């Protein structure tokens, strides 16, 4: 049993019911996708309306792909987003211009991709051309021998396979497709089971 429960993030929130159900189930963070090509894309005004109705102490995360820092700052301020999730390769200048806390997504193709940022809090996701949300898993053997205490694992996670993470000290887990009935629509039971199983590791 871990001394600190895994943090859980439910990503791809598109409606208030899913957001509130995830909060009720014990989610630590909710993710909102501001990437227009994603089936889980949400407009900033809708995200703002949802976030205004959330209970306290639940972090809100905005996922961004191939945008400039001004757009990230603007949307995060407009929607009251706590953390910007940067899901693409960005320059140091981009990160320096951000006015909000951020977390980098490492779209891993090999162990070396992870090791490069091991000293920082990061989300590690499997590399896919569509920038995630396809349920592709990262090879767990890439984490063997690494301190994973600052890593949030994403990609292909479900309540059924979380037990495979028991021997790793991940900081958290991030799920989207693994708790859905269709792209952008969460399954209340799957969300609850995922969070319960994650917290029990």
N, C-alpha and C. Protein backbone atom coordinates (compact mmCIF):
# COMPACT_ATOMS: atom_id res chain seq x y z
N UNK A 1 0.84 -1.20 0.00
CA UNK A 1 0.00 0.00 0.00
C UNK A 1 0.88 1.25 0.00
N UNK A 2 0.57 2.20 -0.85
CA UNK A 2 1.31 3.45 -0.92
C UNK A 2 1.03 4.31 0.30
N UNK A 3 2.00 5.13 0.69
CA UNK A 3 1.78 6.04 1.81
C UNK A 3 0.90 7.21 1.40
N UNK A 4 0.98 7.59 0.12
CA UNK A 4 0.16 8.68 -0.42
C UNK A 4 -0.64 8.13 -1.59
N UNK A 5 -1.96 8.24 -1.59
CA UNK A 5 -2.77 7.70 -2.69
C UNK A 5 -2.40 8.36 -4.02
N UNK A 6 -2.52 7.59 -5.10
CA UNK A 6 -2.31 8.13 -6.43
C UNK A 6 -3.26 9.30 -6.70
N UNK A 7 -2.74 10.35 -7.27
CA UNK A 7 -3.59 11.44 -7.73
C UNK A 7 -4.28 10.99 -9.02
N UNK A 8 -5.54 11.37 -9.18
CA UNK A 8 -6.29 10.95 -10.36
C UNK A 8 -6.81 12.16 -11.13
N UNK A 9 -6.61 12.12 -12.43
CA UNK A 9 -7.13 13.18 -13.31
C UNK A 9 -8.04 12.54 -14.35
N UNK A 10 -9.24 13.07 -14.45
CA UNK A 10 -10.19 12.63 -15.47
C UNK A 10 -10.15 13.67 -16.58
N UNK A 11 -9.68 13.29 -17.75
CA UNK A 11 -9.48 14.24 -18.83
C UNK A 11 -10.58 14.12 -19.89
N UNK A 12 -10.70 15.18 -20.68
CA UNK A 12 -11.69 15.18 -21.75
C UNK A 12 -13.10 15.47 -21.27
N UNK A 13 -13.22 16.29 -20.24
CA UNK A 13 -14.55 16.67 -19.73
C UNK A 13 -15.23 17.60 -20.74
N UNK A 14 -16.48 17.27 -21.09
CA UNK A 14 -17.21 18.09 -22.08
C UNK A 14 -18.56 18.58 -21.57
N UNK A 15 -18.96 18.13 -20.38
CA UNK A 15 -20.28 18.54 -19.88
C UNK A 15 -20.27 18.55 -18.35
N UNK A 16 -21.24 19.26 -17.79
CA UNK A 16 -21.29 19.45 -16.34
C UNK A 16 -21.56 18.16 -15.59
N UNK A 17 -22.43 17.32 -16.10
CA UNK A 17 -22.75 16.07 -15.40
C UNK A 17 -21.50 15.22 -15.21
N UNK A 18 -20.72 15.07 -16.27
CA UNK A 18 -19.50 14.27 -16.17
C UNK A 18 -18.52 14.90 -15.17
N UNK A 19 -18.44 16.21 -15.18
CA UNK A 19 -17.53 16.91 -14.27
C UNK A 19 -17.93 16.67 -12.82
N UNK A 20 -19.21 16.85 -12.52
CA UNK A 20 -19.68 16.68 -11.14
C UNK A 20 -19.59 15.22 -10.69
N UNK A 21 -19.89 14.29 -11.61
CA UNK A 21 -19.77 12.87 -11.25
C UNK A 21 -18.33 12.51 -10.91
N UNK A 22 -17.38 13.05 -11.68
CA UNK A 22 -15.97 12.78 -11.42
C UNK A 22 -15.55 13.35 -10.07
N UNK A 23 -16.03 14.54 -9.77
CA UNK A 23 -15.72 15.15 -8.46
C UNK A 23 -16.29 14.32 -7.33
N UNK A 24 -17.53 13.90 -7.50
CA UNK A 24 -18.18 13.08 -6.47
C UNK A 24 -17.44 11.77 -6.26
N UNK A 25 -16.87 11.23 -7.33
CA UNK A 25 -16.15 9.97 -7.25
C UNK A 25 -14.76 10.13 -6.61
N UNK A 26 -14.31 11.38 -6.47
CA UNK A 26 -13.05 11.62 -5.79
C UNK A 26 -11.89 12.04 -6.69
N UNK A 27 -12.19 12.50 -7.90
CA UNK A 27 -11.12 12.94 -8.80
C UNK A 27 -10.37 14.12 -8.19
N UNK A 28 -9.05 14.12 -8.36
CA UNK A 28 -8.23 15.23 -7.88
C UNK A 28 -8.17 16.36 -8.90
N UNK A 29 -8.34 16.03 -10.17
CA UNK A 29 -8.25 17.04 -11.22
C UNK A 29 -9.14 16.66 -12.39
N UNK A 30 -9.61 17.69 -13.11
CA UNK A 30 -10.41 17.50 -14.31
C UNK A 30 -9.69 18.18 -15.47
N UNK A 31 -9.68 17.50 -16.62
CA UNK A 31 -9.00 18.04 -17.79
C UNK A 31 -9.98 18.51 -18.85
N UNK A 32 -9.70 19.67 -19.44
CA UNK A 32 -10.51 20.26 -20.50
C UNK A 32 -9.63 20.44 -21.73
N UNK A 33 -10.09 19.90 -22.86
CA UNK A 33 -9.27 19.85 -24.07
C UNK A 33 -9.60 21.04 -24.98
N UNK A 34 -8.64 21.95 -25.10
CA UNK A 34 -8.82 23.11 -25.97
C UNK A 34 -8.06 22.91 -27.28
N UNK A 35 -8.28 21.78 -27.89
CA UNK A 35 -7.66 21.40 -29.15
C UNK A 35 -8.77 21.03 -30.11
N UNK A 36 -8.99 21.87 -31.12
CA UNK A 36 -10.19 21.77 -31.95
C UNK A 36 -10.30 20.47 -32.73
N UNK A 37 -9.18 19.81 -33.00
CA UNK A 37 -9.22 18.56 -33.77
C UNK A 37 -9.58 17.36 -32.90
N UNK A 38 -9.66 17.55 -31.60
CA UNK A 38 -9.99 16.45 -30.70
C UNK A 38 -11.50 16.25 -30.63
N UNK A 39 -11.96 14.99 -30.56
CA UNK A 39 -13.40 14.74 -30.37
C UNK A 39 -13.86 15.17 -28.97
N UNK A 40 -12.93 15.49 -28.10
CA UNK A 40 -13.25 15.94 -26.75
C UNK A 40 -13.05 17.45 -26.59
N UNK A 41 -12.94 18.13 -27.71
CA UNK A 41 -12.76 19.59 -27.69
C UNK A 41 -13.93 20.28 -27.00
N UNK A 42 -13.59 21.29 -26.20
CA UNK A 42 -14.61 22.09 -25.55
C UNK A 42 -14.28 23.57 -25.76
N UNK A 43 -15.29 24.35 -26.05
CA UNK A 43 -15.08 25.79 -26.22
C UNK A 43 -14.84 26.43 -24.86
N UNK A 44 -14.08 27.50 -24.88
CA UNK A 44 -13.67 28.11 -23.62
C UNK A 44 -14.86 28.64 -22.81
N UNK A 45 -15.88 29.16 -23.48
CA UNK A 45 -17.02 29.68 -22.72
C UNK A 45 -17.79 28.56 -22.03
N UNK A 46 -17.87 27.39 -22.67
CA UNK A 46 -18.55 26.26 -22.04
C UNK A 46 -17.73 25.73 -20.87
N UNK A 47 -16.41 25.65 -21.07
CA UNK A 47 -15.53 25.21 -19.97
C UNK A 47 -15.65 26.15 -18.79
N UNK A 48 -15.71 27.43 -19.06
CA UNK A 48 -15.84 28.43 -18.00
C UNK A 48 -17.11 28.20 -17.19
N UNK A 49 -18.22 27.93 -17.89
CA UNK A 49 -19.50 27.71 -17.20
C UNK A 49 -19.44 26.47 -16.32
N UNK A 50 -18.77 25.41 -16.80
CA UNK A 50 -18.65 24.18 -16.00
C UNK A 50 -17.79 24.43 -14.77
N UNK A 51 -16.65 25.07 -14.98
CA UNK A 51 -15.69 25.28 -13.90
C UNK A 51 -16.27 26.13 -12.78
N UNK A 52 -17.13 27.08 -13.13
CA UNK A 52 -17.77 27.93 -12.11
C UNK A 52 -18.63 27.12 -11.15
N UNK A 53 -19.07 25.94 -11.58
CA UNK A 53 -20.00 25.14 -10.78
C UNK A 53 -19.32 23.97 -10.07
N UNK A 54 -18.00 23.91 -10.15
CA UNK A 54 -17.28 22.80 -9.51
C UNK A 54 -17.10 23.06 -8.02
N UNK A 55 -17.01 22.01 -7.22
CA UNK A 55 -16.72 22.17 -5.79
C UNK A 55 -15.27 22.61 -5.59
N UNK A 56 -14.93 23.15 -4.43
CA UNK A 56 -13.55 23.56 -4.18
C UNK A 56 -12.61 22.37 -4.06
N UNK A 57 -11.31 22.67 -4.17
CA UNK A 57 -10.22 21.70 -3.97
C UNK A 57 -10.09 20.68 -5.09
N UNK A 58 -10.75 20.90 -6.23
CA UNK A 58 -10.54 20.06 -7.42
C UNK A 58 -9.80 20.92 -8.44
N UNK A 59 -8.62 20.47 -8.86
CA UNK A 59 -7.81 21.23 -9.81
C UNK A 59 -8.41 21.14 -11.22
N UNK A 60 -8.31 22.24 -11.95
CA UNK A 60 -8.74 22.25 -13.34
C UNK A 60 -7.52 22.39 -14.23
N UNK A 61 -7.49 21.59 -15.30
CA UNK A 61 -6.33 21.51 -16.18
C UNK A 61 -6.79 21.75 -17.62
N UNK A 62 -6.12 22.66 -18.30
CA UNK A 62 -6.43 22.93 -19.70
C UNK A 62 -5.39 22.29 -20.60
N UNK A 63 -5.83 21.47 -21.54
CA UNK A 63 -4.91 20.79 -22.46
C UNK A 63 -4.80 21.60 -23.75
N UNK A 64 -3.55 21.89 -24.14
CA UNK A 64 -3.30 22.73 -25.31
C UNK A 64 -2.35 22.04 -26.28
N UNK A 65 -2.63 22.20 -27.57
CA UNK A 65 -1.80 21.63 -28.63
C UNK A 65 -1.55 22.69 -29.70
N UNK A 66 -0.28 22.91 -30.01
CA UNK A 66 0.13 23.76 -31.13
C UNK A 66 -0.52 25.15 -31.10
N UNK A 67 -0.42 25.81 -29.96
CA UNK A 67 -0.91 27.18 -29.82
C UNK A 67 0.22 28.05 -29.29
N UNK A 68 0.01 29.36 -29.28
CA UNK A 68 1.03 30.25 -28.72
C UNK A 68 0.73 30.52 -27.24
N UNK A 69 1.71 31.07 -26.57
CA UNK A 69 1.59 31.28 -25.13
C UNK A 69 0.49 32.28 -24.80
N UNK A 70 0.26 33.25 -25.66
CA UNK A 70 -0.80 34.24 -25.41
C UNK A 70 -2.17 33.57 -25.35
N UNK A 71 -2.40 32.61 -26.24
CA UNK A 71 -3.69 31.91 -26.24
C UNK A 71 -3.85 31.08 -24.97
N UNK A 72 -2.78 30.43 -24.54
CA UNK A 72 -2.84 29.65 -23.31
C UNK A 72 -3.16 30.55 -22.12
N UNK A 73 -2.45 31.66 -22.02
CA UNK A 73 -2.68 32.60 -20.92
C UNK A 73 -4.10 33.15 -20.93
N UNK A 74 -4.58 33.49 -22.13
CA UNK A 74 -5.92 34.08 -22.25
C UNK A 74 -7.00 33.09 -21.84
N UNK A 75 -6.93 31.87 -22.35
CA UNK A 75 -7.96 30.88 -22.05
C UNK A 75 -7.92 30.47 -20.58
N UNK A 76 -6.72 30.31 -20.05
CA UNK A 76 -6.62 29.93 -18.63
C UNK A 76 -7.19 31.01 -17.72
N UNK A 77 -6.93 32.26 -18.07
CA UNK A 77 -7.49 33.36 -17.27
C UNK A 77 -9.00 33.43 -17.42
N UNK A 78 -9.47 33.30 -18.65
CA UNK A 78 -10.91 33.39 -18.91
C UNK A 78 -11.69 32.30 -18.19
N UNK A 79 -11.14 31.08 -18.18
CA UNK A 79 -11.86 29.93 -17.65
C UNK A 79 -11.53 29.62 -16.20
N UNK A 80 -10.57 30.34 -15.63
CA UNK A 80 -10.08 30.06 -14.28
C UNK A 80 -9.46 28.67 -14.20
N UNK A 81 -8.60 28.37 -15.20
CA UNK A 81 -7.87 27.11 -15.26
C UNK A 81 -6.67 27.19 -14.32
N UNK A 82 -6.46 26.15 -13.54
CA UNK A 82 -5.36 26.14 -12.58
C UNK A 82 -4.01 25.82 -13.22
N UNK A 83 -4.01 24.85 -14.15
CA UNK A 83 -2.77 24.34 -14.72
C UNK A 83 -2.92 24.17 -16.22
N UNK A 84 -1.92 24.62 -16.97
CA UNK A 84 -1.90 24.40 -18.42
C UNK A 84 -1.13 23.12 -18.72
N UNK A 85 -1.74 22.22 -19.45
CA UNK A 85 -1.10 20.97 -19.86
C UNK A 85 -0.62 21.14 -21.29
N UNK A 86 0.70 21.19 -21.47
CA UNK A 86 1.27 21.48 -22.78
C UNK A 86 1.58 20.18 -23.49
N UNK A 87 0.77 19.88 -24.51
CA UNK A 87 0.79 18.56 -25.13
C UNK A 87 1.50 18.58 -26.48
N UNK A 88 2.53 19.40 -26.59
CA UNK A 88 3.30 19.46 -27.83
C UNK A 88 4.70 19.96 -27.51
N UNK A 89 5.60 19.83 -28.45
CA UNK A 89 6.97 20.29 -28.25
C UNK A 89 7.00 21.81 -28.35
N UNK A 90 7.31 22.46 -27.24
CA UNK A 90 7.33 23.93 -27.19
C UNK A 90 8.71 24.42 -26.80
N UNK A 91 9.00 25.64 -27.17
CA UNK A 91 10.31 26.23 -26.90
C UNK A 91 10.41 26.72 -25.46
N UNK A 92 11.63 26.96 -25.03
CA UNK A 92 11.84 27.55 -23.70
C UNK A 92 11.18 28.92 -23.61
N UNK A 93 11.21 29.66 -24.70
CA UNK A 93 10.57 30.98 -24.73
C UNK A 93 9.08 30.86 -24.48
N UNK A 94 8.45 29.85 -25.08
CA UNK A 94 7.02 29.61 -24.86
C UNK A 94 6.74 29.42 -23.38
N UNK A 95 7.51 28.53 -22.74
CA UNK A 95 7.27 28.26 -21.32
C UNK A 95 7.55 29.49 -20.46
N UNK A 96 8.56 30.25 -20.80
CA UNK A 96 8.88 31.46 -20.04
C UNK A 96 7.79 32.51 -20.12
N UNK A 97 7.02 32.49 -21.22
CA UNK A 97 5.96 33.48 -21.41
C UNK A 97 4.65 33.09 -20.74
N UNK A 98 4.56 31.87 -20.25
CA UNK A 98 3.32 31.43 -19.60
C UNK A 98 3.16 32.13 -18.26
N UNK A 99 1.94 32.56 -17.99
CA UNK A 99 1.63 33.24 -16.73
C UNK A 99 0.88 32.34 -15.76
N UNK A 100 0.73 31.09 -16.14
CA UNK A 100 0.01 30.12 -15.30
C UNK A 100 0.93 28.93 -15.03
N UNK A 101 0.71 28.22 -13.94
CA UNK A 101 1.46 26.97 -13.73
C UNK A 101 1.21 26.01 -14.89
N UNK A 102 2.19 25.21 -15.23
CA UNK A 102 2.04 24.31 -16.36
C UNK A 102 2.67 22.96 -16.06
N UNK A 103 2.26 21.99 -16.84
CA UNK A 103 2.88 20.67 -16.79
C UNK A 103 3.13 20.21 -18.22
N UNK A 104 4.31 19.70 -18.44
CA UNK A 104 4.73 19.24 -19.76
C UNK A 104 4.26 17.80 -19.98
N UNK A 105 3.78 17.52 -21.19
CA UNK A 105 3.46 16.16 -21.58
C UNK A 105 4.61 15.59 -22.40
N UNK A 106 5.13 14.46 -21.97
CA UNK A 106 6.15 13.76 -22.73
C UNK A 106 5.47 12.66 -23.52
N UNK A 107 5.46 12.81 -24.83
CA UNK A 107 4.84 11.81 -25.71
C UNK A 107 5.93 10.79 -26.03
N UNK A 108 6.03 9.80 -25.18
CA UNK A 108 7.20 8.93 -25.17
C UNK A 108 7.22 7.92 -26.31
N UNK A 109 8.40 7.80 -26.91
CA UNK A 109 8.66 6.76 -27.90
C UNK A 109 9.70 5.78 -27.41
N UNK A 110 10.38 6.14 -26.31
CA UNK A 110 11.39 5.27 -25.72
C UNK A 110 11.68 5.74 -24.30
N UNK A 111 12.44 4.96 -23.56
CA UNK A 111 12.75 5.28 -22.16
C UNK A 111 13.51 6.60 -22.05
N UNK A 112 14.38 6.88 -23.02
CA UNK A 112 15.20 8.10 -22.97
C UNK A 112 14.34 9.36 -22.98
N UNK A 113 13.19 9.33 -23.64
CA UNK A 113 12.29 10.48 -23.65
C UNK A 113 11.84 10.83 -22.24
N UNK A 114 11.65 9.80 -21.42
CA UNK A 114 11.19 10.00 -20.05
C UNK A 114 12.33 10.48 -19.16
N UNK A 115 13.48 9.84 -19.30
CA UNK A 115 14.64 10.17 -18.47
C UNK A 115 15.03 11.63 -18.64
N UNK A 116 14.84 12.17 -19.82
CA UNK A 116 15.23 13.55 -20.12
C UNK A 116 14.58 14.56 -19.17
N UNK A 117 13.36 14.25 -18.71
CA UNK A 117 12.62 15.20 -17.88
C UNK A 117 12.30 14.64 -16.49
N UNK A 118 13.04 13.63 -16.07
CA UNK A 118 12.71 12.87 -14.87
C UNK A 118 12.73 13.72 -13.61
N UNK A 119 13.44 14.85 -13.61
CA UNK A 119 13.53 15.70 -12.42
C UNK A 119 12.36 16.67 -12.29
N UNK A 120 11.47 16.68 -13.26
CA UNK A 120 10.32 17.60 -13.26
C UNK A 120 9.02 16.82 -13.18
N UNK A 121 7.98 17.46 -12.68
CA UNK A 121 6.65 16.85 -12.75
C UNK A 121 6.22 16.85 -14.22
N UNK A 122 5.89 15.67 -14.71
CA UNK A 122 5.51 15.51 -16.11
C UNK A 122 4.36 14.52 -16.23
N UNK A 123 3.64 14.64 -17.34
CA UNK A 123 2.68 13.61 -17.75
C UNK A 123 3.36 12.81 -18.85
N UNK A 124 3.42 11.50 -18.71
CA UNK A 124 3.98 10.64 -19.75
C UNK A 124 2.84 9.92 -20.45
N UNK A 125 2.76 10.15 -21.75
CA UNK A 125 1.71 9.55 -22.58
C UNK A 125 2.38 8.83 -23.74
N UNK A 126 1.69 7.88 -24.33
CA UNK A 126 2.22 7.20 -25.50
C UNK A 126 2.16 8.13 -26.70
N UNK A 127 3.16 8.06 -27.55
CA UNK A 127 3.16 8.89 -28.75
C UNK A 127 2.12 8.38 -29.74
N UNK A 128 1.19 9.28 -30.11
CA UNK A 128 0.25 9.02 -31.20
C UNK A 128 0.11 10.31 -31.98
N UNK A 129 -0.14 10.19 -33.28
CA UNK A 129 -0.22 11.37 -34.14
C UNK A 129 -1.34 12.32 -33.72
N UNK A 130 -2.39 11.76 -33.11
CA UNK A 130 -3.56 12.56 -32.75
C UNK A 130 -3.42 13.24 -31.39
N UNK A 131 -2.23 13.19 -30.79
CA UNK A 131 -1.97 13.83 -29.50
C UNK A 131 -2.79 13.24 -28.36
N UNK A 132 -2.90 11.93 -28.32
CA UNK A 132 -3.52 11.26 -27.18
C UNK A 132 -4.99 10.96 -27.37
N UNK A 133 -5.56 10.34 -26.33
CA UNK A 133 -6.98 10.03 -26.35
C UNK A 133 -7.35 8.81 -27.17
N UNK A 134 -6.33 8.02 -27.58
CA UNK A 134 -6.59 6.85 -28.41
C UNK A 134 -6.44 5.54 -27.64
N UNK A 135 -6.11 5.64 -26.35
CA UNK A 135 -6.00 4.43 -25.54
C UNK A 135 -4.73 3.63 -25.75
N UNK A 136 -3.71 4.24 -26.35
CA UNK A 136 -2.43 3.55 -26.55
C UNK A 136 -1.62 3.61 -25.26
N UNK A 137 -1.01 2.49 -24.88
CA UNK A 137 -0.30 2.42 -23.61
C UNK A 137 1.19 2.67 -23.78
N UNK A 138 1.79 3.21 -22.72
CA UNK A 138 3.23 3.34 -22.63
C UNK A 138 3.79 2.03 -22.11
N UNK A 139 4.95 1.62 -22.62
CA UNK A 139 5.58 0.38 -22.15
C UNK A 139 6.05 0.55 -20.71
N UNK A 140 5.49 -0.22 -19.80
CA UNK A 140 5.84 -0.06 -18.38
C UNK A 140 7.30 -0.35 -18.09
N UNK A 141 7.92 -1.21 -18.89
CA UNK A 141 9.33 -1.52 -18.63
C UNK A 141 10.23 -0.29 -18.80
N UNK A 142 9.74 0.74 -19.48
CA UNK A 142 10.52 1.97 -19.61
C UNK A 142 10.70 2.67 -18.26
N UNK A 143 9.86 2.35 -17.30
CA UNK A 143 9.94 2.98 -15.98
C UNK A 143 10.75 2.16 -14.98
N UNK A 144 11.17 0.97 -15.38
CA UNK A 144 11.95 0.13 -14.47
C UNK A 144 13.23 0.85 -14.06
N UNK A 145 13.48 0.87 -12.75
CA UNK A 145 14.69 1.50 -12.24
C UNK A 145 14.63 3.01 -12.12
N UNK A 146 13.51 3.62 -12.49
CA UNK A 146 13.38 5.07 -12.42
C UNK A 146 12.59 5.49 -11.18
N UNK A 147 12.91 6.68 -10.67
CA UNK A 147 12.09 7.29 -9.64
C UNK A 147 10.90 7.94 -10.34
N UNK A 148 9.73 7.38 -10.15
CA UNK A 148 8.53 7.84 -10.86
C UNK A 148 7.66 8.78 -10.01
N UNK A 149 8.22 9.29 -8.91
CA UNK A 149 7.44 10.05 -7.95
C UNK A 149 6.96 11.40 -8.48
N UNK A 150 7.48 11.83 -9.65
CA UNK A 150 7.01 13.07 -10.26
C UNK A 150 6.33 12.81 -11.61
N UNK A 151 5.98 11.56 -11.85
CA UNK A 151 5.39 11.19 -13.13
C UNK A 151 3.91 10.89 -12.99
N UNK A 152 3.12 11.49 -13.86
CA UNK A 152 1.70 11.17 -13.99
C UNK A 152 1.57 10.34 -15.26
N UNK A 153 1.10 9.12 -15.13
CA UNK A 153 1.03 8.21 -16.27
C UNK A 153 -0.32 8.34 -16.98
N UNK A 154 -0.26 8.44 -18.30
CA UNK A 154 -1.47 8.51 -19.12
C UNK A 154 -1.35 7.48 -20.24
N UNK A 155 -2.44 7.23 -20.92
CA UNK A 155 -2.41 6.37 -22.09
C UNK A 155 -2.86 4.95 -21.83
N UNK A 156 -4.08 4.63 -22.25
CA UNK A 156 -4.56 3.25 -22.22
C UNK A 156 -4.88 2.70 -20.86
N UNK A 157 -5.04 3.56 -19.86
CA UNK A 157 -5.34 3.07 -18.52
C UNK A 157 -6.83 2.80 -18.35
N UNK A 158 -7.13 1.75 -17.60
CA UNK A 158 -8.51 1.41 -17.25
C UNK A 158 -8.51 0.92 -15.81
N UNK A 159 -9.69 0.78 -15.24
CA UNK A 159 -9.76 0.26 -13.87
C UNK A 159 -9.22 -1.16 -13.80
N UNK A 160 -9.29 -1.90 -14.93
CA UNK A 160 -8.85 -3.30 -14.94
C UNK A 160 -7.33 -3.46 -14.97
N UNK A 161 -6.61 -2.48 -15.54
CA UNK A 161 -5.16 -2.67 -15.64
C UNK A 161 -4.35 -1.81 -14.67
N UNK A 162 -5.00 -1.06 -13.82
CA UNK A 162 -4.27 -0.22 -12.87
C UNK A 162 -3.40 -1.03 -11.92
N UNK A 163 -3.79 -2.26 -11.63
CA UNK A 163 -3.01 -3.09 -10.71
C UNK A 163 -1.59 -3.31 -11.22
N UNK A 164 -1.37 -3.16 -12.53
CA UNK A 164 -0.04 -3.35 -13.09
C UNK A 164 0.93 -2.25 -12.66
N UNK A 165 0.40 -1.17 -12.10
CA UNK A 165 1.24 -0.04 -11.69
C UNK A 165 1.69 -0.15 -10.24
N UNK A 166 1.27 -1.20 -9.56
CA UNK A 166 1.47 -1.29 -8.12
C UNK A 166 2.94 -1.18 -7.70
N UNK A 167 3.84 -1.69 -8.51
CA UNK A 167 5.25 -1.70 -8.13
C UNK A 167 5.99 -0.41 -8.49
N UNK A 168 5.28 0.54 -9.11
CA UNK A 168 5.89 1.82 -9.47
C UNK A 168 5.35 2.92 -8.56
N UNK A 169 6.18 3.91 -8.30
CA UNK A 169 5.75 4.99 -7.40
C UNK A 169 5.29 6.22 -8.16
N UNK A 170 4.38 6.01 -9.11
CA UNK A 170 3.86 7.14 -9.88
C UNK A 170 3.17 8.14 -8.97
N UNK A 171 3.29 9.41 -9.34
CA UNK A 171 2.59 10.47 -8.59
C UNK A 171 1.09 10.42 -8.87
N UNK A 172 0.74 10.14 -10.12
CA UNK A 172 -0.68 10.13 -10.46
C UNK A 172 -0.96 9.41 -11.76
N UNK A 173 -2.25 9.31 -12.08
CA UNK A 173 -2.70 8.70 -13.33
C UNK A 173 -3.71 9.63 -13.99
N UNK A 174 -3.74 9.56 -15.32
CA UNK A 174 -4.55 10.45 -16.13
C UNK A 174 -5.32 9.59 -17.12
N UNK A 175 -6.64 9.69 -17.12
CA UNK A 175 -7.44 8.81 -17.97
C UNK A 175 -8.47 9.62 -18.75
N UNK A 176 -8.75 9.15 -19.95
CA UNK A 176 -9.80 9.76 -20.76
C UNK A 176 -10.64 8.66 -21.41
N UNK A 177 -10.10 8.02 -22.46
CA UNK A 177 -10.88 7.02 -23.18
C UNK A 177 -11.24 5.81 -22.32
N UNK A 178 -10.42 5.51 -21.32
CA UNK A 178 -10.65 4.33 -20.50
C UNK A 178 -11.85 4.40 -19.59
N UNK A 179 -12.49 5.58 -19.50
CA UNK A 179 -13.68 5.72 -18.66
C UNK A 179 -14.86 6.31 -19.45
N UNK A 180 -14.88 6.03 -20.74
CA UNK A 180 -15.91 6.63 -21.60
C UNK A 180 -16.88 5.59 -22.16
N UNK A 181 -18.09 6.06 -22.46
CA UNK A 181 -19.05 5.26 -23.22
C UNK A 181 -18.93 5.61 -24.70
N UNK A 182 -18.50 6.84 -24.98
CA UNK A 182 -18.18 7.30 -26.33
C UNK A 182 -17.23 8.48 -26.17
N UNK A 183 -16.57 8.88 -27.24
CA UNK A 183 -15.58 9.94 -27.13
C UNK A 183 -16.21 11.24 -26.65
N UNK A 184 -15.76 11.68 -25.46
CA UNK A 184 -16.28 12.92 -24.90
C UNK A 184 -17.41 12.71 -23.90
N UNK A 185 -17.87 11.47 -23.73
CA UNK A 185 -18.94 11.18 -22.78
C UNK A 185 -18.45 10.12 -21.80
N UNK A 186 -18.40 10.48 -20.52
CA UNK A 186 -17.87 9.58 -19.50
C UNK A 186 -18.94 8.60 -19.01
N UNK A 187 -18.46 7.45 -18.57
CA UNK A 187 -19.30 6.44 -17.94
C UNK A 187 -19.15 6.59 -16.43
N UNK A 188 -20.22 6.92 -15.75
CA UNK A 188 -20.17 7.22 -14.32
C UNK A 188 -19.59 6.05 -13.53
N UNK A 189 -19.99 4.84 -13.86
CA UNK A 189 -19.51 3.67 -13.13
C UNK A 189 -18.03 3.44 -13.39
N UNK A 190 -17.60 3.57 -14.65
CA UNK A 190 -16.18 3.39 -14.98
C UNK A 190 -15.31 4.43 -14.28
N UNK A 191 -15.79 5.66 -14.21
CA UNK A 191 -15.04 6.72 -13.53
C UNK A 191 -14.87 6.37 -12.05
N UNK A 192 -15.95 5.94 -11.42
CA UNK A 192 -15.90 5.59 -10.01
C UNK A 192 -14.96 4.42 -9.77
N UNK A 193 -15.07 3.38 -10.59
CA UNK A 193 -14.22 2.20 -10.43
C UNK A 193 -12.74 2.55 -10.65
N UNK A 194 -12.48 3.41 -11.62
CA UNK A 194 -11.09 3.80 -11.90
C UNK A 194 -10.49 4.52 -10.69
N UNK A 195 -11.22 5.46 -10.15
CA UNK A 195 -10.69 6.25 -9.02
C UNK A 195 -10.53 5.38 -7.78
N UNK A 196 -11.51 4.53 -7.50
CA UNK A 196 -11.41 3.63 -6.34
C UNK A 196 -10.20 2.71 -6.48
N UNK A 197 -10.01 2.14 -7.67
CA UNK A 197 -8.88 1.23 -7.86
C UNK A 197 -7.54 1.97 -7.80
N UNK A 198 -7.50 3.18 -8.32
CA UNK A 198 -6.26 3.96 -8.26
C UNK A 198 -5.90 4.30 -6.82
N UNK A 199 -6.88 4.71 -6.05
CA UNK A 199 -6.63 5.10 -4.67
C UNK A 199 -6.27 3.91 -3.78
N UNK A 200 -6.59 2.71 -4.24
CA UNK A 200 -6.32 1.52 -3.42
C UNK A 200 -4.93 0.93 -3.69
N UNK A 201 -4.21 1.44 -4.67
CA UNK A 201 -2.88 0.92 -4.98
C UNK A 201 -1.89 1.23 -3.86
